[in-house]
Amino acid sequence: MRDAGEAARVEDVMLTRAAQTGDIAALGTLLERHRAGMRAVALSILGPGADADDVMQDAALTALRRIGDVRDPAAVGAWLRMIVRNAARSLLRGAVVAAPPVDELHLPSPEDGPEQWLERSAARDWVWEALENLSPVLRMPLVLRHFTTGVTTYEQIARACGVPVGTVRSRLSLGRAKLAAALAATADSAHGDAEKRGSASRVEARETLAAAESGHFGRLMTERWSPEVSLLRGLDRLGGWDLLVRSMDKDVEDGVRQRLVHAVAGRSLTVWEMDIINPPDDPGHCPSAVAWLMTLDEAGRVRQLRLAHPRPVPLVDLLPAV
């Protein structure tokens, strides 16, 4: 007869392999089996309180996104505790260790990381379908926290959304709970193709940048964006179509260029993360990076744009010179 430890390892292997095929019940069982050990790690680093609870919730979503990265299913418990340990230490440092972004890596490889696995897996479609079931105020913080690479800390999300850090914490907590319910509710539903949507969005981002560099940004916006588009800073509306075109044209005229580094795309929310390349004679003209946070209308056109930077940017820096 197998001893209890061997039986537990066999069950971990079965549950992990099932979770890697998109079985949410198997993942839930794994998390429950190892919850005590995970929580013990969180408490040992952070002590009791809201931070430990946040890290446990973060770990559950990270496990969903990265379960395909588990190479040794028998050691999944140690892998889950490592996620909690890294998240807790990152929280103490005020940073989030992000998974590497995916651009156009479509061929499977033994060296593929969690984002590559997620791109080619039905799990990504399922997660995005569940995210679409959340309200916009809950969806935005979750997408920024778990699916971007540069707008991930509570402070960065708070600036992007125009709300206090405490509100970000509460929205993430509520959003994770509602996402778990939405995942369970949509487990057997047909899901959209998130990989195709992401690939199309990357193409659109590059076309948008090319149009801007050739002086045709306004024409592209007329064709593809809502005529009622608004540029927002937090909750404040700065302007519309005219301001966006003037700002982009002015940056291009000054020699500023943007390069796409990462994109995530849902039916109602798309994020393009860009590196900013300043002119050699003015290296401090703009911040080094920017994320375009775009809320879409029912036709898939951009109706709201927020620009988020890794560090705060004075309001005057977002406006064109007069």
Protein backbone atom coordinates (compact mmCIF):
# COMPACT_ATOMS: atom_id res chain seq x y z
CA MET A 1 0.00 0.00 0.00
CA ARG A 2 1.13 3.50 -0.75
CA ASP A 3 1.87 5.72 2.22
CA ALA A 4 -0.11 8.92 2.69
CA GLY A 5 2.67 11.08 1.27
CA GLU A 6 2.92 9.06 -1.93
CA ALA A 7 -0.87 9.10 -2.34
CA ALA A 8 -0.90 12.89 -1.90
CA ARG A 9 1.80 13.29 -4.57
CA VAL A 10 -0.14 11.08 -6.99
CA GLU A 11 -3.26 13.16 -6.41
CA ASP A 12 -1.30 16.38 -6.88
CA VAL A 13 -0.04 15.08 -10.23
CA MET A 14 -3.56 14.17 -11.39
CA LEU A 15 -5.02 17.51 -10.28
CA THR A 16 -2.19 19.55 -11.80
CA ARG A 17 -2.47 17.85 -15.16
CA ALA A 18 -6.22 18.36 -15.14
CA ALA A 19 -5.79 22.04 -14.21
CA GLN A 20 -3.32 22.45 -17.08
CA THR A 21 -6.07 21.43 -19.49
CA GLY A 22 -8.35 24.18 -18.11
CA ASP A 23 -10.22 22.28 -15.37
CA ILE A 24 -11.10 25.01 -12.84
CA ALA A 25 -12.43 22.50 -10.32
CA ALA A 26 -9.05 20.73 -10.29
CA LEU A 27 -7.23 24.02 -9.76
CA GLY A 28 -9.63 24.93 -6.95
CA THR A 29 -8.98 21.60 -5.27
CA LEU A 30 -5.21 22.12 -5.57
CA LEU A 31 -5.44 25.54 -3.97
CA GLU A 32 -7.59 24.21 -1.16
CA ARG A 33 -5.23 21.28 -0.51
CA HIS A 34 -2.26 23.61 -0.19
CA ARG A 35 -4.00 26.65 1.31
CA ALA A 36 -2.64 26.11 4.81
CA GLY A 37 0.97 25.91 3.63
CA MET A 38 0.54 28.91 1.35
CA ARG A 39 -1.00 30.98 4.12
CA ALA A 40 1.73 30.00 6.54
CA VAL A 41 4.30 31.43 4.10
CA ALA A 42 2.31 34.67 3.71
CA LEU A 43 1.97 35.09 7.48
CA SER A 44 5.63 34.36 8.11
CA ILE A 45 6.65 37.26 5.83
CA LEU A 46 3.81 39.76 6.24
CA GLY A 47 2.12 38.85 9.52
CA PRO A 48 -1.67 38.70 9.88
CA GLY A 49 -3.78 41.32 8.14
CA ALA A 50 -4.98 42.62 4.80
CA ASP A 51 -1.59 42.25 3.06
CA ALA A 52 -1.50 38.50 3.70
CA ASP A 53 -5.07 38.19 2.42
CA ASP A 54 -4.16 40.18 -0.72
CA VAL A 55 -1.16 37.96 -1.40
CA MET A 56 -3.27 34.82 -1.07
CA GLN A 57 -5.78 36.19 -3.57
CA ASP A 58 -2.98 37.24 -5.92
CA ALA A 59 -1.47 33.78 -5.67
CA ALA A 60 -4.72 32.12 -6.74
CA LEU A 61 -4.90 34.20 -9.93
CA THR A 62 -1.18 33.74 -10.59
CA ALA A 63 -1.65 29.99 -10.26
CA LEU A 64 -4.45 30.12 -12.82
CA ARG A 65 -2.30 32.08 -15.25
CA ARG A 66 0.86 30.04 -14.70
CA ILE A 67 -0.28 26.49 -13.98
CA GLY A 68 1.00 25.45 -17.40
CA ASP A 69 4.49 26.40 -16.24
CA VAL A 70 4.64 23.57 -13.69
CA ARG A 71 7.26 21.09 -14.89
CA ASP A 72 7.02 18.70 -11.93
CA PRO A 73 3.35 18.20 -10.99
CA ALA A 74 4.36 16.19 -7.92
CA ALA A 75 6.01 19.37 -6.53
CA VAL A 76 3.06 21.69 -7.18
CA GLY A 77 2.74 22.44 -3.44
CA ALA A 78 6.26 23.87 -3.32
CA TRP A 79 5.51 25.80 -6.52
CA LEU A 80 2.40 27.38 -4.97
CA ARG A 81 4.30 28.33 -1.81
CA MET A 82 7.01 29.89 -3.98
CA ILE A 83 4.38 32.06 -5.70
CA VAL A 84 3.17 33.28 -2.31
CA ARG A 85 6.73 33.90 -1.09
CA ASN A 86 7.65 35.92 -4.20
CA ALA A 87 4.42 37.93 -4.05
CA ALA A 88 4.88 38.72 -0.36
CA ARG A 89 8.48 39.84 -0.83
CA SER A 90 7.48 41.92 -3.85
CA LEU A 91 4.76 43.57 -1.80
CA LEU A 92 7.32 44.52 0.85
CA ARG A 93 9.51 46.02 -1.88
CA GLY A 94 6.52 47.88 -3.33
CA ALA A 95 6.91 46.11 -6.66
CA VAL A 96 5.42 43.25 -8.64
CA VAL A 97 7.48 40.67 -10.46
CA ALA A 98 5.77 40.42 -13.83
CA ALA A 99 5.78 37.48 -16.19
CA PRO A 100 7.59 38.13 -19.48
CA PRO A 101 5.34 39.55 -22.21
CA VAL A 102 4.39 37.67 -25.35
CA ASP A 103 4.57 39.14 -28.81
CA GLU A 104 4.38 36.71 -31.71
CA LEU A 105 5.58 33.42 -30.23
CA HIS A 106 3.13 30.90 -31.59
CA LEU A 107 5.20 27.70 -31.79
CA PRO A 108 5.23 25.56 -28.64
CA SER A 109 8.62 24.93 -27.10
CA PRO A 110 9.86 23.08 -24.01
CA GLU A 111 11.27 26.44 -22.85
CA ASP A 112 7.97 28.30 -23.16
CA GLY A 113 7.02 30.35 -20.09
CA PRO A 114 3.59 30.89 -18.53
CA GLU A 115 2.48 33.69 -20.83
CA GLN A 116 3.36 31.67 -23.94
CA TRP A 117 1.39 28.73 -22.60
CA LEU A 118 -1.53 30.95 -21.77
CA GLU A 119 -1.55 32.53 -25.24
CA ARG A 120 -1.98 29.18 -26.97
CA SER A 121 -4.29 27.67 -24.36
CA ALA A 122 -8.06 27.68 -24.02
CA ALA A 123 -7.48 28.89 -20.47
CA ARG A 124 -6.71 32.38 -21.75
CA ASP A 125 -9.97 32.50 -23.69
CA TRP A 126 -11.79 31.35 -20.58
CA VAL A 127 -10.18 33.96 -18.32
CA TRP A 128 -10.96 36.80 -20.73
CA GLU A 129 -14.55 35.62 -21.13
CA ALA A 130 -14.90 35.69 -17.34
CA LEU A 131 -13.31 39.15 -17.15
CA GLU A 132 -15.92 40.44 -19.59
CA ASN A 133 -18.56 39.50 -17.02
CA LEU A 134 -17.14 42.00 -14.51
CA SER A 135 -18.05 45.66 -14.29
CA PRO A 136 -15.56 48.09 -15.90
CA VAL A 137 -14.43 49.45 -12.51
CA LEU A 138 -13.44 45.94 -11.40
CA ARG A 139 -12.11 44.77 -14.77
CA MET A 140 -9.53 47.55 -15.25
CA PRO A 141 -7.57 47.00 -11.98
CA LEU A 142 -7.50 43.23 -12.50
CA VAL A 143 -6.21 43.51 -16.06
CA LEU A 144 -3.54 46.02 -15.04
CA ARG A 145 -2.48 44.00 -11.99
CA HIS A 146 -2.29 40.58 -13.63
CA PHE A 147 -1.88 41.04 -17.38
CA THR A 148 0.35 44.08 -17.94
CA THR A 149 4.05 44.43 -17.30
CA GLY A 150 4.43 48.07 -16.26
CA VAL A 151 1.23 49.22 -14.50
CA THR A 152 1.03 46.60 -11.78
CA THR A 153 1.63 48.15 -8.36
CA TYR A 154 -1.24 49.50 -6.30
CA GLU A 155 0.15 53.02 -6.68
CA GLN A 156 0.43 52.79 -10.47
CA ILE A 157 -3.08 51.35 -10.80
CA ALA A 158 -4.44 54.05 -8.50
CA ARG A 159 -2.92 56.79 -10.67
CA ALA A 160 -4.20 55.17 -13.87
CA CYS A 161 -7.74 54.81 -12.54
CA GLY A 162 -7.84 58.10 -10.63
CA VAL A 163 -8.76 56.54 -7.29
CA PRO A 164 -7.02 56.13 -3.90
CA VAL A 165 -4.77 53.13 -3.26
CA GLY A 166 -7.28 51.83 -0.72
CA THR A 167 -9.95 51.77 -3.42
CA VAL A 168 -7.63 49.78 -5.68
CA ARG A 169 -7.14 47.22 -2.90
CA SER A 170 -10.88 46.85 -2.33
CA ARG A 171 -11.66 46.65 -6.06
CA LEU A 172 -9.00 44.00 -6.59
CA SER A 173 -10.32 41.98 -3.67
CA LEU A 174 -13.92 42.18 -4.88
CA GLY A 175 -12.85 41.67 -8.49
CA ARG A 176 -10.95 38.47 -7.69
CA ALA A 177 -13.93 37.07 -5.82
CA LYS A 178 -16.30 37.91 -8.68
CA LEU A 179 -13.81 36.59 -11.24
CA ALA A 180 -13.69 33.25 -9.43
CA ALA A 181 -17.50 33.08 -9.61
CA ALA A 182 -17.46 34.12 -13.27
CA LEU A 183 -14.86 31.45 -14.10
CA ALA A 184 -17.04 28.79 -12.54
CA ALA A 185 -20.12 30.11 -14.36
CA THR A 186 -18.43 30.17 -17.78
CA ALA A 187 -16.44 26.94 -17.52
CA ASP A 188 -18.70 25.11 -19.97
CA SER A 189 -19.46 28.07 -22.25
CA ALA A 190 -18.02 28.87 -25.66
CA HIS A 191 -15.15 31.30 -25.33
CA GLY A 192 -13.79 33.87 -27.77
CA ASP A 193 -10.36 33.42 -29.30
CA ALA A 194 -8.17 35.64 -27.13
CA GLU A 195 -4.99 34.75 -29.03
CA LYS A 196 -6.43 35.97 -32.33
CA ARG A 197 -7.76 39.08 -30.62
CA GLY A 198 -4.33 39.77 -29.13
CA SER A 199 -2.55 39.23 -32.45
CA ALA A 200 -4.99 41.56 -34.22
CA SER A 201 -4.48 44.17 -31.51
CA ARG A 202 -0.70 44.05 -31.91
CA VAL A 203 -1.11 44.60 -35.65
CA GLU A 204 -3.48 47.50 -34.97
CA ALA A 205 -1.04 49.06 -32.51
CA ARG A 206 1.78 48.99 -35.03
CA GLU A 207 -0.49 50.38 -37.75
CA THR A 208 -1.50 53.18 -35.38
CA LEU A 209 2.12 54.09 -34.64
CA ALA A 210 3.00 53.95 -38.35
CA ALA A 211 0.06 56.23 -39.14
CA ALA A 212 1.21 58.69 -36.50
CA GLU A 213 4.77 58.76 -37.84
CA SER A 214 3.51 59.39 -41.38
CA GLY A 215 1.21 62.22 -40.28
CA HIS A 216 -2.02 60.23 -40.68
CA PHE A 217 -2.97 59.67 -37.05
CA GLY A 218 -6.10 61.81 -37.37
CA ARG A 219 -7.24 59.88 -40.44
CA LEU A 220 -6.76 56.55 -38.68
CA MET A 221 -8.68 57.78 -35.62
CA THR A 222 -11.55 58.90 -37.85
CA GLU A 223 -11.70 55.45 -39.43
CA ARG A 224 -11.25 53.29 -36.33
CA TRP A 225 -11.98 55.24 -33.14
CA SER A 226 -15.28 56.56 -31.82
CA PRO A 227 -15.99 60.19 -32.82
CA GLU A 228 -16.84 60.79 -29.13
CA VAL A 229 -13.46 59.52 -27.94
CA SER A 230 -12.17 61.09 -24.71
CA LEU A 231 -8.67 61.40 -23.31
CA LEU A 232 -8.81 60.87 -19.56
CA ARG A 233 -6.36 61.43 -16.74
CA GLY A 234 -7.73 59.30 -13.93
CA LEU A 235 -11.39 60.28 -13.78
CA ASP A 236 -10.90 63.71 -15.39
CA ARG A 237 -11.62 64.33 -19.07
CA LEU A 238 -8.80 66.34 -20.65
CA GLY A 239 -10.24 66.55 -24.15
CA GLY A 240 -11.28 64.61 -27.20
CA TRP A 241 -10.31 63.92 -30.81
CA ASP A 242 -8.63 67.30 -31.42
CA LEU A 243 -6.42 67.09 -28.33
CA LEU A 244 -5.34 63.53 -29.12
CA VAL A 245 -4.37 64.38 -32.69
CA ARG A 246 -2.55 67.59 -31.73
CA SER A 247 -0.65 65.82 -28.93
CA MET A 248 0.45 62.93 -31.13
CA ASP A 249 1.39 65.18 -34.06
CA LYS A 250 3.41 67.42 -31.73
CA ASP A 251 5.33 64.47 -30.25
CA VAL A 252 6.14 63.11 -33.72
CA GLU A 253 7.22 66.57 -34.88
CA ASP A 254 9.53 66.78 -31.85
CA GLY A 255 11.14 63.47 -32.82
CA VAL A 256 9.44 61.23 -30.24
CA ARG A 257 8.70 57.65 -31.29
CA GLN A 258 6.89 54.79 -29.55
CA ARG A 259 7.58 51.06 -29.83
CA LEU A 260 5.09 48.37 -28.86
CA VAL A 261 6.41 45.95 -26.24
CA HIS A 262 3.24 44.24 -24.98
CA ALA A 263 -0.49 44.14 -25.73
CA VAL A 264 -3.50 42.57 -24.06
CA ALA A 265 -6.91 42.72 -25.66
CA GLY A 266 -10.44 41.95 -24.56
CA ARG A 267 -13.75 42.83 -26.16
CA SER A 268 -14.19 45.91 -23.98
CA LEU A 269 -10.66 46.77 -22.78
CA THR A 270 -7.33 46.84 -24.59
CA VAL A 271 -3.90 47.79 -23.23
CA TRP A 272 -0.89 48.67 -25.37
CA GLU A 273 2.38 49.05 -23.49
CA MET A 274 4.98 51.15 -25.28
CA ASP A 275 8.61 52.09 -24.91
CA ILE A 276 9.13 55.77 -25.68
CA ILE A 277 12.20 56.69 -27.75
CA ASN A 278 13.11 60.33 -27.28
CA PRO A 279 15.20 62.36 -29.76
CA PRO A 280 18.96 62.18 -29.07
CA ASP A 281 19.15 65.92 -28.44
CA ASP A 282 16.30 65.83 -25.90
CA PRO A 283 16.47 62.47 -24.03
CA GLY A 284 14.15 63.70 -21.27
CA HIS A 285 11.39 64.96 -23.56
CA CYS A 286 8.94 62.24 -22.49
CA PRO A 287 8.87 59.47 -19.86
CA SER A 288 10.58 56.26 -20.95
CA ALA A 289 7.36 54.23 -21.19
CA VAL A 290 3.61 54.61 -21.50
CA ALA A 291 0.59 52.32 -21.45
CA TRP A 292 -2.47 53.11 -23.57
CA LEU A 293 -5.52 51.96 -21.58
CA MET A 294 -8.39 51.87 -24.07
CA THR A 295 -12.03 51.28 -23.24
CA LEU A 296 -13.96 50.09 -26.30
CA ASP A 297 -17.56 50.59 -27.37
CA GLU A 298 -19.84 47.79 -28.61
CA ALA A 299 -18.44 48.14 -32.13
CA GLY A 300 -14.88 47.68 -30.83
CA ARG A 301 -13.90 51.34 -31.34
CA VAL A 302 -11.90 53.25 -28.74
CA ARG A 303 -14.18 55.55 -26.76
CA GLN A 304 -11.90 56.33 -23.81
CA LEU A 305 -8.11 56.50 -23.63
CA ARG A 306 -6.04 56.79 -20.47
CA LEU A 307 -2.27 57.17 -20.67
CA ALA A 308 -0.46 55.56 -17.72
CA HIS A 309 3.24 55.99 -16.97
CA PRO A 310 5.43 54.00 -14.55
CA ARG A 311 5.94 57.24 -12.60
CA PRO A 312 3.66 60.25 -12.12
CA VAL A 313 3.70 62.76 -14.98
CA PRO A 314 2.72 66.43 -14.47
CA LEU A 315 -0.51 67.36 -16.19
CA VAL A 316 1.27 69.93 -18.34
CA ASP A 317 3.40 67.16 -19.89
CA LEU A 318 0.27 65.50 -21.31
CA LEU A 319 -0.87 68.62 -23.12
CA PRO A 320 0.45 69.98 -26.41
CA ALA A 321 2.40 73.21 -26.49
CA VAL A 322 0.28 76.23 -27.33
